[in-house]
Structure formats: C-alpha cells, structure tokens
Amino acid sequence: MTGKHIRRKKHILRFVIGILVVGLGIFCYFHFCDDQEIDLSQYETMVGTIKNVGDETLLIENNEHQQYLISIAGVIDSNKGLKKGNRIYIYYEGKLDVKNKDIQNVKVRSYKVLD
C-alpha cells in the first residue's frame, strides 16, 4: 500500500507543479508584455509644454497658448522625467476641458517626452 500512495503523491505533486508553472507563465506574459504593442493611432494626440508638474497631474500649454490640467494617474510610475519646460506628446481619449473643471474626462493612454 505504501508504494501506491507514494506514486499517487508524486503524481499529484507533478500536477500541482505543472499548474503553477503554467499559471506563472500566463501571469508573466500579461504582466511583462510590451506596452508599445498597443495601437496608439486610435487616440487623440496633443503636443505641448509642461507648465507645472504635480503628483498625478500635469499643467500643459499647447501651441495655441491654451492650458490644460491633465490627470496622469495610473499612466506613469514616477514623474521624474517630467520637468517644467519640457515638451510632451500625449495620447489621450476623451474631451479636453480648457477651463480645467473635470480632469477625469480625459484618460491619458501614453506619453512621450520630447527633447
């Protein structure tokens, strides 16, 4: 009886390890997949100059001297590369509000700081 139980435990252990490896593979694929694979052509774009940087917001002035307050929450890990005076290219969806009433209307999908 002990030989049968040992073989059964080995079989269950292999099955559990197999499930864990497959699960880890799926998690890694979705977690580390390249963000550049996202088709950004479907989003609106804006080029502007950063006027002020907050913890999760940017004040941007475009070429027509209109200023927009935009939420960047969830798009960046840190705002170290975002400095006042830098030019920025933003991919967004939603409607920009010149009066800065509701920054949640705009969802920033990606950005690129221009040198």
PDB file of N, CA and C in Angstrom:
ATOM      1  N   MET A   1       0.810  -1.193   0.000  1.00  0.00           N
ATOM      2  CA  MET A   1       0.000   0.000   0.000  1.00  0.00           C
ATOM      3  C   MET A   1       0.859   1.266   0.000  1.00  0.00           C
ATOM      4  N   THR A   2       2.006   1.234   0.644  1.00  0.00           N
ATOM      5  CA  THR A   2       2.823   2.448   0.719  1.00  0.00           C
ATOM      6  C   THR A   2       3.377   2.828  -0.643  1.00  0.00           C
ATOM      7  N   GLY A   3       3.721   1.872  -1.477  1.00  0.00           N
ATOM      8  CA  GLY A   3       4.227   2.179  -2.815  1.00  0.00           C
ATOM      9  C   GLY A   3       3.190   2.881  -3.670  1.00  0.00           C
ATOM     10  N   LYS A   4       1.936   2.460  -3.555  1.00  0.00           N
ATOM     11  CA  LYS A   4       0.844   3.077  -4.309  1.00  0.00           C
ATOM     12  C   LYS A   4       0.627   4.520  -3.855  1.00  0.00           C
ATOM     13  N   HIS A   5       0.699   4.752  -2.563  1.00  0.00           N
ATOM     14  CA  HIS A   5       0.484   6.093  -2.028  1.00  0.00           C
ATOM     15  C   HIS A   5       1.615   7.038  -2.441  1.00  0.00           C
ATOM     16  N   ILE A   6       2.829   6.523  -2.445  1.00  0.00           N
ATOM     17  CA  ILE A   6       3.965   7.358  -2.838  1.00  0.00           C
ATOM     18  C   ILE A   6       3.846   7.752  -4.309  1.00  0.00           C
ATOM     19  N   ARG A   7       3.481   6.784  -5.183  1.00  0.00           N
ATOM     20  CA  ARG A   7       3.305   7.091  -6.603  1.00  0.00           C
ATOM     21  C   ARG A   7       2.174   8.097  -6.804  1.00  0.00           C
ATOM     22  N   ARG A   8       1.123   7.953  -6.031  1.00  0.00           N
ATOM     23  CA  ARG A   8      -0.017   8.877  -6.142  1.00  0.00           C
ATOM     24  C   ARG A   8       0.379  10.283  -5.697  1.00  0.00           C
ATOM     25  N   LYS A   9       1.135  10.370  -4.605  1.00  0.00           N
ATOM     26  CA  LYS A   9       1.591  11.681  -4.123  1.00  0.00           C
ATOM     27  C   LYS A   9       2.523  12.334  -5.142  1.00  0.00           C
ATOM     28  N   LYS A  10       3.405  11.534  -5.775  1.00  0.00           N
ATOM     29  CA  LYS A  10       4.294  12.079  -6.795  1.00  0.00           C
ATOM     30  C   LYS A  10       3.493  12.595  -7.986  1.00  0.00           C
ATOM     31  N   HIS A  11       2.475  11.856  -8.378  1.00  0.00           N
ATOM     32  CA  HIS A  11       1.630  12.268  -9.499  1.00  0.00           C
ATOM     33  C   HIS A  11       0.908  13.583  -9.167  1.00  0.00           C
ATOM     34  N   ILE A  12       0.360  13.687  -7.981  1.00  0.00           N
ATOM     35  CA  ILE A  12      -0.339  14.915  -7.558  1.00  0.00           C
ATOM     36  C   ILE A  12       0.645  16.073  -7.483  1.00  0.00           C
ATOM     37  N   LEU A  13       1.851  15.817  -6.954  1.00  0.00           N
ATOM     38  CA  LEU A  13       2.865  16.864  -6.857  1.00  0.00           C
ATOM     39  C   LEU A  13       3.266  17.363  -8.249  1.00  0.00           C
ATOM     40  N   ARG A  14       3.462  16.474  -9.215  1.00  0.00           N
ATOM     41  CA  ARG A  14       3.784  16.876 -10.578  1.00  0.00           C
ATOM     42  C   ARG A  14       2.647  17.694 -11.190  1.00  0.00           C
ATOM     43  N   PHE A  15       1.426  17.284 -10.943  1.00  0.00           N
ATOM     44  CA  PHE A  15       0.265  18.002 -11.459  1.00  0.00           C
ATOM     45  C   PHE A  15       0.208  19.428 -10.889  1.00  0.00           C
ATOM     46  N   VAL A  16       0.395  19.567  -9.577  1.00  0.00           N
ATOM     47  CA  VAL A  16       0.348  20.883  -8.932  1.00  0.00           C
ATOM     48  C   VAL A  16       1.485  21.769  -9.436  1.00  0.00           C
ATOM     49  N   ILE A  17       2.694  21.204  -9.566  1.00  0.00           N
ATOM     50  CA  ILE A  17       3.820  21.983 -10.081  1.00  0.00           C
ATOM     51  C   ILE A  17       3.555  22.407 -11.529  1.00  0.00           C
ATOM     52  N   GLY A  18       2.986  21.533 -12.316  1.00  0.00           N
ATOM     53  CA  GLY A  18       2.641  21.872 -13.697  1.00  0.00           C
ATOM     54  C   GLY A  18       1.643  23.020 -13.770  1.00  0.00           C
ATOM     55  N   ILE A  19       0.621  22.952 -12.930  1.00  0.00           N
ATOM     56  CA  ILE A  19      -0.380  24.030 -12.881  1.00  0.00           C
ATOM     57  C   ILE A  19       0.278  25.346 -12.471  1.00  0.00           C
ATOM     58  N   LEU A  20       1.158  25.317 -11.493  1.00  0.00           N
ATOM     59  CA  LEU A  20       1.845  26.531 -11.042  1.00  0.00           C
ATOM     60  C   LEU A  20       2.733  27.118 -12.147  1.00  0.00           C
ATOM     61  N   VAL A  21       3.441  26.282 -12.873  1.00  0.00           N
ATOM     62  CA  VAL A  21       4.310  26.759 -13.952  1.00  0.00           C
ATOM     63  C   VAL A  21       3.476  27.391 -15.062  1.00  0.00           C
ATOM     64  N   VAL A  22       2.392  26.754 -15.447  1.00  0.00           N
ATOM     65  CA  VAL A  22       1.519  27.321 -16.486  1.00  0.00           C
ATOM     66  C   VAL A  22       0.908  28.635 -16.013  1.00  0.00           C
ATOM     67  N   GLY A  23       0.445  28.666 -14.778  1.00  0.00           N
ATOM     68  CA  GLY A  23      -0.131  29.902 -14.228  1.00  0.00           C
ATOM     69  C   GLY A  23       0.888  31.026 -14.174  1.00  0.00           C
ATOM     70  N   LEU A  24       2.109  30.715 -13.752  1.00  0.00           N
ATOM     71  CA  LEU A  24       3.170  31.717 -13.698  1.00  0.00           C
ATOM     72  C   LEU A  24       3.515  32.210 -15.107  1.00  0.00           C
ATOM     73  N   GLY A  25       3.524  31.314 -16.075  1.00  0.00           N
ATOM     74  CA  GLY A  25       3.792  31.709 -17.455  1.00  0.00           C
ATOM     75  C   GLY A  25       2.740  32.661 -17.995  1.00  0.00           C
ATOM     76  N   ILE A  26       1.492  32.365 -17.725  1.00  0.00           N
ATOM     77  CA  ILE A  26       0.405  33.243 -18.173  1.00  0.00           C
ATOM     78  C   ILE A  26       0.495  34.602 -17.488  1.00  0.00           C
ATOM     79  N   PHE A  27       0.752  34.607 -16.188  1.00  0.00           N
ATOM     80  CA  PHE A  27       0.886  35.863 -15.446  1.00  0.00           C
ATOM     81  C   PHE A  27       2.032  36.702 -16.016  1.00  0.00           C
ATOM     82  N   CYS A  28       3.191  36.091 -16.228  1.00  0.00           N
ATOM     83  CA  CYS A  28       4.347  36.820 -16.757  1.00  0.00           C
ATOM     84  C   CYS A  28       4.078  37.366 -18.152  1.00  0.00           C
ATOM     85  N   TYR A  29       3.396  36.597 -18.971  1.00  0.00           N
ATOM     86  CA  TYR A  29       3.092  37.064 -20.326  1.00  0.00           C
ATOM     87  C   TYR A  29       2.271  38.348 -20.289  1.00  0.00           C
ATOM     88  N   PHE A  30       1.220  38.379 -19.496  1.00  0.00           N
ATOM     89  CA  PHE A  30       0.366  39.564 -19.453  1.00  0.00           C
ATOM     90  C   PHE A  30       0.978  40.695 -18.653  1.00  0.00           C
ATOM     91  N   HIS A  31       1.764  40.377 -17.645  1.00  0.00           N
ATOM     92  CA  HIS A  31       2.344  41.421 -16.800  1.00  0.00           C
ATOM     93  C   HIS A  31       3.512  42.121 -17.488  1.00  0.00           C
ATOM     94  N   PHE A  32       4.331  41.378 -18.190  1.00  0.00           N
ATOM     95  CA  PHE A  32       5.525  41.939 -18.789  1.00  0.00           C
ATOM     96  C   PHE A  32       5.402  42.162 -20.288  1.00  0.00           C
ATOM     97  N   CYS A  33       4.197  42.055 -20.841  1.00  0.00           N
ATOM     98  CA  CYS A  33       4.064  42.265 -22.280  1.00  0.00           C
ATOM     99  C   CYS A  33       4.381  43.726 -22.593  1.00  0.00           C
ATOM    100  N   ASP A  34       4.967  43.962 -23.753  1.00  0.00           N
ATOM    101  CA  ASP A  34       5.475  45.268 -24.142  1.00  0.00           C
ATOM    102  C   ASP A  34       4.329  46.249 -24.375  1.00  0.00           C
ATOM    103  N   ASP A  35       4.423  47.432 -23.736  1.00  0.00           N
ATOM    104  CA  ASP A  35       3.381  48.449 -23.876  1.00  0.00           C
ATOM    105  C   ASP A  35       3.351  49.054 -25.276  1.00  0.00           C
ATOM    106  N   GLN A  36       4.443  48.944 -26.018  1.00  0.00           N
ATOM    107  CA  GLN A  36       4.479  49.528 -27.347  1.00  0.00           C
ATOM    108  C   GLN A  36       3.644  48.741 -28.346  1.00  0.00           C
ATOM    109  N   GLU A  37       3.153  47.597 -27.954  1.00  0.00           N
ATOM    110  CA  GLU A  37       2.287  46.826 -28.841  1.00  0.00           C
ATOM    111  C   GLU A  37       0.888  47.441 -28.930  1.00  0.00           C
ATOM    112  N   ILE A  38       0.556  48.346 -28.046  1.00  0.00           N
ATOM    113  CA  ILE A  38      -0.746  48.992 -28.053  1.00  0.00           C
ATOM    114  C   ILE A  38      -0.819  49.938 -29.255  1.00  0.00           C
ATOM    115  N   ASP A  39      -1.898  49.846 -30.011  1.00  0.00           N
ATOM    116  CA  ASP A  39      -2.085  50.702 -31.170  1.00  0.00           C
ATOM    117  C   ASP A  39      -2.543  52.075 -30.693  1.00  0.00           C
ATOM    118  N   LEU A  40      -1.626  53.048 -30.708  1.00  0.00           N
ATOM    119  CA  LEU A  40      -1.930  54.390 -30.211  1.00  0.00           C
ATOM    120  C   LEU A  40      -2.583  55.273 -31.267  1.00  0.00           C
ATOM    121  N   SER A  41      -2.715  54.787 -32.490  1.00  0.00           N
ATOM    122  CA  SER A  41      -3.287  55.607 -33.557  1.00  0.00           C
ATOM    123  C   SER A  41      -4.774  55.881 -33.340  1.00  0.00           C
ATOM    124  N   GLN A  42      -5.420  55.126 -32.491  1.00  0.00           N
ATOM    125  CA  GLN A  42      -6.848  55.321 -32.245  1.00  0.00           C
ATOM    126  C   GLN A  42      -7.133  56.453 -31.247  1.00  0.00           C
ATOM    127  N   TYR A  43      -6.092  56.984 -30.624  1.00  0.00           N
ATOM    128  CA  TYR A  43      -6.272  58.017 -29.606  1.00  0.00           C
ATOM    129  C   TYR A  43      -5.970  59.400 -30.159  1.00  0.00           C
ATOM    130  N   GLU A  44      -6.520  60.409 -29.507  1.00  0.00           N
ATOM    131  CA  GLU A  44      -6.225  61.798 -29.843  1.00  0.00           C
ATOM    132  C   GLU A  44      -4.806  62.112 -29.371  1.00  0.00           C
ATOM    133  N   THR A  45      -4.181  63.118 -29.982  1.00  0.00           N
ATOM    134  CA  THR A  45      -2.828  63.500 -29.581  1.00  0.00           C
ATOM    135  C   THR A  45      -2.761  64.992 -29.301  1.00  0.00           C
ATOM    136  N   MET A  46      -1.806  65.351 -28.478  1.00  0.00           N
ATOM    137  CA  MET A  46      -1.568  66.757 -28.180  1.00  0.00           C
ATOM    138  C   MET A  46      -0.081  66.944 -27.913  1.00  0.00           C
ATOM    139  N   VAL A  47       0.470  68.017 -28.457  1.00  0.00           N
ATOM    140  CA  VAL A  47       1.854  68.391 -28.186  1.00  0.00           C
ATOM    141  C   VAL A  47       1.802  69.681 -27.409  1.00  0.00           C
ATOM    142  N   GLY A  48       2.565  69.742 -26.337  1.00  0.00           N
ATOM    143  CA  GLY A  48       2.568  70.948 -25.528  1.00  0.00           C
ATOM    144  C   GLY A  48       3.804  71.050 -24.669  1.00  0.00           C
ATOM    145  N   THR A  49       3.848  72.112 -23.905  1.00  0.00           N
ATOM    146  CA  THR A  49       4.948  72.363 -22.975  1.00  0.00           C
ATOM    147  C   THR A  49       4.427  72.180 -21.559  1.00  0.00           C
ATOM    148  N   ILE A  50       5.196  71.489 -20.746  1.00  0.00           N
ATOM    149  CA  ILE A  50       4.798  71.273 -19.349  1.00  0.00           C
ATOM    150  C   ILE A  50       5.000  72.571 -18.576  1.00  0.00           C
ATOM    151  N   LYS A  51       3.931  73.090 -18.008  1.00  0.00           N
ATOM    152  CA  LYS A  51       3.992  74.321 -17.220  1.00  0.00           C
ATOM    153  C   LYS A  51       4.139  74.038 -15.730  1.00  0.00           C
ATOM    154  N   ASN A  52       3.575  72.913 -15.275  1.00  0.00           N
ATOM    155  CA  ASN A  52       3.680  72.552 -13.864  1.00  0.00           C
ATOM    156  C   ASN A  52       3.469  71.043 -13.739  1.00  0.00           C
ATOM    157  N   VAL A  53       4.167  70.437 -12.775  1.00  0.00           N
ATOM    158  CA  VAL A  53       4.077  69.004 -12.541  1.00  0.00           C
ATOM    159  C   VAL A  53       3.613  68.781 -11.108  1.00  0.00           C
ATOM    160  N   GLY A  54       2.504  68.041 -10.975  1.00  0.00           N
ATOM    161  CA  GLY A  54       2.019  67.649  -9.654  1.00  0.00           C
ATOM    162  C   GLY A  54       2.296  66.177  -9.434  1.00  0.00           C
ATOM    163  N   ASP A  55       1.785  65.627  -8.343  1.00  0.00           N
ATOM    164  CA  ASP A  55       1.988  64.208  -8.066  1.00  0.00           C
ATOM    165  C   ASP A  55       1.348  63.341  -9.134  1.00  0.00           C
ATOM    166  N   GLU A  56       0.123  63.658  -9.520  1.00  0.00           N
ATOM    167  CA  GLU A  56      -0.589  62.861 -10.522  1.00  0.00           C
ATOM    168  C   GLU A  56      -1.246  63.726 -11.583  1.00  0.00           C
ATOM    169  N   THR A  57      -0.786  64.966 -11.710  1.00  0.00           N
ATOM    170  CA  THR A  57      -1.357  65.877 -12.709  1.00  0.00           C
ATOM    171  C   THR A  57      -0.255  66.643 -13.435  1.00  0.00           C
ATOM    172  N   LEU A  58      -0.594  67.092 -14.628  1.00  0.00           N
ATOM    173  CA  LEU A  58       0.284  67.958 -15.419  1.00  0.00           C
ATOM    174  C   LEU A  58      -0.514  69.163 -15.881  1.00  0.00           C
ATOM    175  N   LEU A  59       0.105  70.321 -15.837  1.00  0.00           N
ATOM    176  CA  LEU A  59      -0.469  71.509 -16.454  1.00  0.00           C
ATOM    177  C   LEU A  59       0.314  71.711 -17.746  1.00  0.00           C
ATOM    178  N   ILE A  60      -0.392  71.623 -18.876  1.00  0.00           N
ATOM    179  CA  ILE A  60       0.253  71.658 -20.186  1.00  0.00           C
ATOM    180  C   ILE A  60      -0.294  72.825 -20.982  1.00  0.00           C
ATOM    181  N   GLU A  61       0.599  73.523 -21.679  1.00  0.00           N
ATOM    182  CA  GLU A  61       0.198  74.607 -22.579  1.00  0.00           C
ATOM    183  C   GLU A  61       0.519  74.176 -23.999  1.00  0.00           C
ATOM    184  N   ASN A  62      -0.506  74.197 -24.867  1.00  0.00           N
ATOM    185  CA  ASN A  62      -0.269  73.787 -26.260  1.00  0.00           C
ATOM    186  C   ASN A  62       0.220  74.967 -27.086  1.00  0.00           C
ATOM    187  N   ASN A  63       0.367  74.760 -28.385  1.00  0.00           N
ATOM    188  CA  ASN A  63       0.906  75.794 -29.274  1.00  0.00           C
ATOM    189  C   ASN A  63      -0.022  76.989 -29.424  1.00  0.00           C
ATOM    190  N   GLU A  64      -1.315  76.815 -29.150  1.00  0.00           N
ATOM    191  CA  GLU A  64      -2.278  77.917 -29.223  1.00  0.00           C
ATOM    192  C   GLU A  64      -2.388  78.652 -27.889  1.00  0.00           C
ATOM    193  N   HIS A  65      -1.473  78.401 -26.970  1.00  0.00           N
ATOM    194  CA  HIS A  65      -1.399  79.018 -25.645  1.00  0.00           C
ATOM    195  C   HIS A  65      -2.615  78.717 -24.774  1.00  0.00           C
ATOM    196  N   GLN A  66      -3.246  77.574 -25.014  1.00  0.00           N
ATOM    197  CA  GLN A  66      -4.319  77.115 -24.137  1.00  0.00           C
ATOM    198  C   GLN A  66      -3.708  76.158 -23.124  1.00  0.00           C
ATOM    199  N   GLN A  67      -4.121  76.292 -21.863  1.00  0.00           N
ATOM    200  CA  GLN A  67      -3.583  75.437 -20.818  1.00  0.00           C
ATOM    201  C   GLN A  67      -4.604  74.387 -20.410  1.00  0.00           C
ATOM    202  N   TYR A  68      -4.106  73.173 -20.188  1.00  0.00           N
ATOM    203  CA  TYR A  68      -4.949  72.049 -19.799  1.00  0.00           C
ATOM    204  C   TYR A  68      -4.356  71.380 -18.573  1.00  0.00           C
ATOM    205  N   LEU A  69      -5.205  71.075 -17.624  1.00  0.00           N
ATOM    206  CA  LEU A  69      -4.817  70.294 -16.462  1.00  0.00           C
ATOM    207  C   LEU A  69      -5.211  68.851 -16.747  1.00  0.00           C
ATOM    208  N   ILE A  70      -4.227  67.952 -16.759  1.00  0.00           N
ATOM    209  CA  ILE A  70      -4.469  66.574 -17.157  1.00  0.00           C
ATOM    210  C   ILE A  70      -4.020  65.631 -16.056  1.00  0.00           C
ATOM    211  N   SER A  71      -4.844  64.647 -15.763  1.00  0.00           N
ATOM    212  CA  SER A  71      -4.503  63.615 -14.780  1.00  0.00           C
ATOM    213  C   SER A  71      -3.653  62.545 -15.454  1.00  0.00           C
ATOM    214  N   ILE A  72      -2.523  62.210 -14.819  1.00  0.00           N
ATOM    215  CA  ILE A  72      -1.653  61.158 -15.340  1.00  0.00           C
ATOM    216  C   ILE A  72      -1.619  59.976 -14.379  1.00  0.00           C
ATOM    217  N   ALA A  73      -2.605  59.904 -13.504  1.00  0.00           N
ATOM    218  CA  ALA A  73      -2.677  58.809 -12.533  1.00  0.00           C
ATOM    219  C   ALA A  73      -2.836  57.484 -13.260  1.00  0.00           C
ATOM    220  N   GLY A  74      -2.048  56.515 -12.887  1.00  0.00           N
ATOM    221  CA  GLY A  74      -2.131  55.195 -13.474  1.00  0.00           C
ATOM    222  C   GLY A  74      -1.373  55.026 -14.769  1.00  0.00           C
ATOM    223  N   VAL A  75      -0.819  56.106 -15.328  1.00  0.00           N
ATOM    224  CA  VAL A  75      -0.098  56.025 -16.589  1.00  0.00           C
ATOM    225  C   VAL A  75       1.405  55.908 -16.350  1.00  0.00           C
ATOM    226  N   ILE A  76       1.901  56.575 -15.310  1.00  0.00           N
ATOM    227  CA  ILE A  76       3.336  56.566 -15.048  1.00  0.00           C
ATOM    228  C   ILE A  76       3.604  56.045 -13.653  1.00  0.00           C
ATOM    229  N   ASP A  77       4.802  55.484 -13.472  1.00  0.00           N
ATOM    230  CA  ASP A  77       5.210  55.009 -12.157  1.00  0.00           C
ATOM    231  C   ASP A  77       5.755  56.154 -11.310  1.00  0.00           C
ATOM    232  N   SER A  78       6.526  57.036 -11.918  1.00  0.00           N
ATOM    233  CA  SER A  78       7.033  58.213 -11.221  1.00  0.00           C
ATOM    234  C   SER A  78       7.134  59.350 -12.221  1.00  0.00           C
ATOM    235  N   ASN A  79       7.084  60.568 -11.725  1.00  0.00           N
ATOM    236  CA  ASN A  79       7.132  61.715 -12.627  1.00  0.00           C
ATOM    237  C   ASN A  79       8.533  62.333 -12.680  1.00  0.00           C
ATOM    238  N   LYS A  80       9.569  61.520 -12.526  1.00  0.00           N
ATOM    239  CA  LYS A  80      10.946  62.021 -12.537  1.00  0.00           C
ATOM    240  C   LYS A  80      11.325  62.629 -13.890  1.00  0.00           C
ATOM    241  N   GLY A  81      10.897  62.038 -14.989  1.00  0.00           N
ATOM    242  CA  GLY A  81      11.250  62.539 -16.313  1.00  0.00           C
ATOM    243  C   GLY A  81      10.412  63.725 -16.753  1.00  0.00           C
ATOM    244  N   LEU A  82       9.398  64.052 -15.990  1.00  0.00           N
ATOM    245  CA  LEU A  82       8.505  65.153 -16.345  1.00  0.00           C
ATOM    246  C   LEU A  82       8.944  66.410 -15.601  1.00  0.00           C
ATOM    247  N   LYS A  83       9.544  67.328 -16.340  1.00  0.00           N
ATOM    248  CA  LYS A  83      10.060  68.550 -15.731  1.00  0.00           C
ATOM    249  C   LYS A  83       9.424  69.756 -16.396  1.00  0.00           C
ATOM    250  N   LYS A  84       9.270  70.797 -15.618  1.00  0.00           N
ATOM    251  CA  LYS A  84       8.711  72.043 -16.114  1.00  0.00           C
ATOM    252  C   LYS A  84       9.553  72.552 -17.282  1.00  0.00           C
ATOM    253  N   GLY A  85       8.889  72.896 -18.380  1.00  0.00           N
ATOM    254  CA  GLY A  85       9.572  73.404 -19.559  1.00  0.00           C
ATOM    255  C   GLY A  85       9.799  72.359 -20.641  1.00  0.00           C
ATOM    256  N   ASN A  86       9.704  71.067 -20.302  1.00  0.00           N
ATOM    257  CA  ASN A  86       9.863  70.003 -21.301  1.00  0.00           C
ATOM    258  C   ASN A  86       8.679  69.987 -22.253  1.00  0.00           C
ATOM    259  N   ARG A  87       8.948  69.596 -23.492  1.00  0.00           N
ATOM    260  CA  ARG A  87       7.872  69.380 -24.459  1.00  0.00           C
ATOM    261  C   ARG A  87       7.379  67.952 -24.281  1.00  0.00           C
ATOM    262  N   ILE A  88       6.075  67.758 -24.431  1.00  0.00           N
ATOM    263  CA  ILE A  88       5.489  66.435 -24.222  1.00  0.00           C
ATOM    264  C   ILE A  88       4.470  66.149 -25.316  1.00  0.00           C
ATOM    265  N   TYR A  89       4.413  64.893 -25.707  1.00  0.00           N
ATOM    266  CA  TYR A  89       3.465  64.402 -26.703  1.00  0.00           C
ATOM    267  C   TYR A  89       2.560  63.423 -25.974  1.00  0.00           C
ATOM    268  N   ILE A  90       1.257  63.691 -25.941  1.00  0.00           N
ATOM    269  CA  ILE A  90       0.323  62.898 -25.149  1.00  0.00           C
ATOM    270  C   ILE A  90      -0.707  62.218 -26.048  1.00  0.00           C
ATOM    271  N   TYR A  91      -0.937  60.927 -25.800  1.00  0.00           N
ATOM    272  CA  TYR A  91      -2.017  60.167 -26.435  1.00  0.00           C
ATOM    273  C   TYR A  91      -3.134  60.060 -25.399  1.00  0.00           C
ATOM    274  N   TYR A  92      -4.330  60.491 -25.752  1.00  0.00           N
ATOM    275  CA  TYR A  92      -5.426  60.502 -24.789  1.00  0.00           C
ATOM    276  C   TYR A  92      -6.740  60.170 -25.473  1.00  0.00           C
ATOM    277  N   GLU A  93      -7.734  59.878 -24.654  1.00  0.00           N
ATOM    278  CA  GLU A  93      -9.105  59.761 -25.155  1.00  0.00           C
ATOM    279  C   GLU A  93      -9.996  60.563 -24.223  1.00  0.00           C
ATOM    280  N   GLY A  94     -11.054  61.085 -24.777  1.00  0.00           N
ATOM    281  CA  GLY A  94     -11.942  61.941 -24.010  1.00  0.00           C
ATOM    282  C   GLY A  94     -11.942  63.341 -24.592  1.00  0.00           C
ATOM    283  N   LYS A  95     -12.524  64.273 -23.861  1.00  0.00           N
ATOM    284  CA  LYS A  95     -12.628  65.647 -24.337  1.00  0.00           C
ATOM    285  C   LYS A  95     -11.851  66.565 -23.407  1.00  0.00           C
ATOM    286  N   LEU A  96     -10.930  67.336 -23.986  1.00  0.00           N
ATOM    287  CA  LEU A  96     -10.157  68.286 -23.193  1.00  0.00           C
ATOM    288  C   LEU A  96     -11.044  69.443 -22.766  1.00  0.00           C
ATOM    289  N   ASP A  97     -10.850  69.889 -21.546  1.00  0.00           N
ATOM    290  CA  ASP A  97     -11.625  70.976 -20.978  1.00  0.00           C
ATOM    291  C   ASP A  97     -10.682  72.146 -20.724  1.00  0.00           C
ATOM    292  N   VAL A  98     -10.872  73.231 -21.480  1.00  0.00           N
ATOM    293  CA  VAL A  98      -9.994  74.387 -21.352  1.00  0.00           C
ATOM    294  C   VAL A  98     -10.106  75.022 -19.970  1.00  0.00           C
ATOM    295  N   LYS A  99     -11.288  74.944 -19.371  1.00  0.00           N
ATOM    296  CA  LYS A  99     -11.496  75.584 -18.074  1.00  0.00           C
ATOM    297  C   LYS A  99     -11.037  74.713 -16.903  1.00  0.00           C
ATOM    298  N   ASN A 100     -10.517  73.525 -17.195  1.00  0.00           N
ATOM    299  CA  ASN A 100      -9.950  72.629 -16.176  1.00  0.00           C
ATOM    300  C   ASN A 100     -10.959  72.224 -15.111  1.00  0.00           C
ATOM    301  N   LYS A 101     -12.229  72.109 -15.484  1.00  0.00           N
ATOM    302  CA  LYS A 101     -13.244  71.760 -14.492  1.00  0.00           C
ATOM    303  C   LYS A 101     -13.193  70.288 -14.105  1.00  0.00           C
ATOM    304  N   ASP A 102     -13.128  69.405 -15.098  1.00  0.00           N
ATOM    305  CA  ASP A 102     -13.185  67.980 -14.810  1.00  0.00           C
ATOM    306  C   ASP A 102     -12.056  67.269 -15.525  1.00  0.00           C
ATOM    307  N   ILE A 103     -10.966  67.004 -14.800  1.00  0.00           N
ATOM    308  CA  ILE A 103      -9.816  66.369 -15.431  1.00  0.00           C
ATOM    309  C   ILE A 103     -10.049  64.882 -15.641  1.00  0.00           C
ATOM    310  N   GLN A 104     -11.108  64.338 -15.078  1.00  0.00           N
ATOM    311  CA  GLN A 104     -11.384  62.916 -15.242  1.00  0.00           C
ATOM    312  C   GLN A 104     -12.018  62.603 -16.597  1.00  0.00           C
ATOM    313  N   ASN A 105     -12.402  63.617 -17.363  1.00  0.00           N
ATOM    314  CA  ASN A 105     -12.957  63.395 -18.698  1.00  0.00           C
ATOM    315  C   ASN A 105     -11.900  62.904 -19.671  1.00  0.00           C
ATOM    316  N   VAL A 106     -10.633  63.138 -19.360  1.00  0.00           N
ATOM    317  CA  VAL A 106      -9.537  62.769 -20.248  1.00  0.00           C
ATOM    318  C   VAL A 106      -8.774  61.607 -19.628  1.00  0.00           C
ATOM    319  N   LYS A 107      -8.630  60.532 -20.391  1.00  0.00           N
ATOM    320  CA  LYS A 107      -7.854  59.375 -19.954  1.00  0.00           C
ATOM    321  C   LYS A 107      -6.573  59.330 -20.787  1.00  0.00           C
ATOM    322  N   VAL A 108      -5.440  59.615 -20.153  1.00  0.00           N
ATOM    323  CA  VAL A 108      -4.163  59.571 -20.840  1.00  0.00           C
ATOM    324  C   VAL A 108      -3.756  58.112 -20.998  1.00  0.00           C
ATOM    325  N   ARG A 109      -3.460  57.702 -22.227  1.00  0.00           N
ATOM    326  CA  ARG A 109      -3.084  56.315 -22.502  1.00  0.00           C
ATOM    327  C   ARG A 109      -1.574  56.140 -22.575  1.00  0.00           C
ATOM    328  N   SER A 110      -0.868  57.153 -23.060  1.00  0.00           N
ATOM    329  CA  SER A 110       0.587  57.087 -23.158  1.00  0.00           C
ATOM    330  C   SER A 110       1.112  58.504 -23.354  1.00  0.00           C
ATOM    331  N   TYR A 111       2.413  58.659 -23.162  1.00  0.00           N
ATOM    332  CA  TYR A 111       3.032  59.957 -23.401  1.00  0.00           C
ATOM    333  C   TYR A 111       4.479  59.740 -23.813  1.00  0.00           C
ATOM    334  N   LYS A 112       5.050  60.785 -24.397  1.00  0.00           N
ATOM    335  CA  LYS A 112       6.460  60.751 -24.780  1.00  0.00           C
ATOM    336  C   LYS A 112       7.019  62.135 -24.547  1.00  0.00           C
ATOM    337  N   VAL A 113       8.102  62.206 -23.773  1.00  0.00           N
ATOM    338  CA  VAL A 113       8.752  63.495 -23.528  1.00  0.00           C
ATOM    339  C   VAL A 113       9.699  63.763 -24.681  1.00  0.00           C
ATOM    340  N   LEU A 114       9.544  64.923 -25.313  1.00  0.00           N
ATOM    341  CA  LEU A 114      10.373  65.298 -26.457  1.00  0.00           C
ATOM    342  C   LEU A 114      11.565  66.093 -25.966  1.00  0.00           C
ATOM    343  N   ASP A 115      12.716  65.876 -26.596  1.00  0.00           N
ATOM    344  CA  ASP A 115      13.928  66.620 -26.211  1.00  0.00           C
ATOM    345  C   ASP A 115      14.118  67.845 -27.064  1.00  0.00           C
TER     346      ASP A 115
END
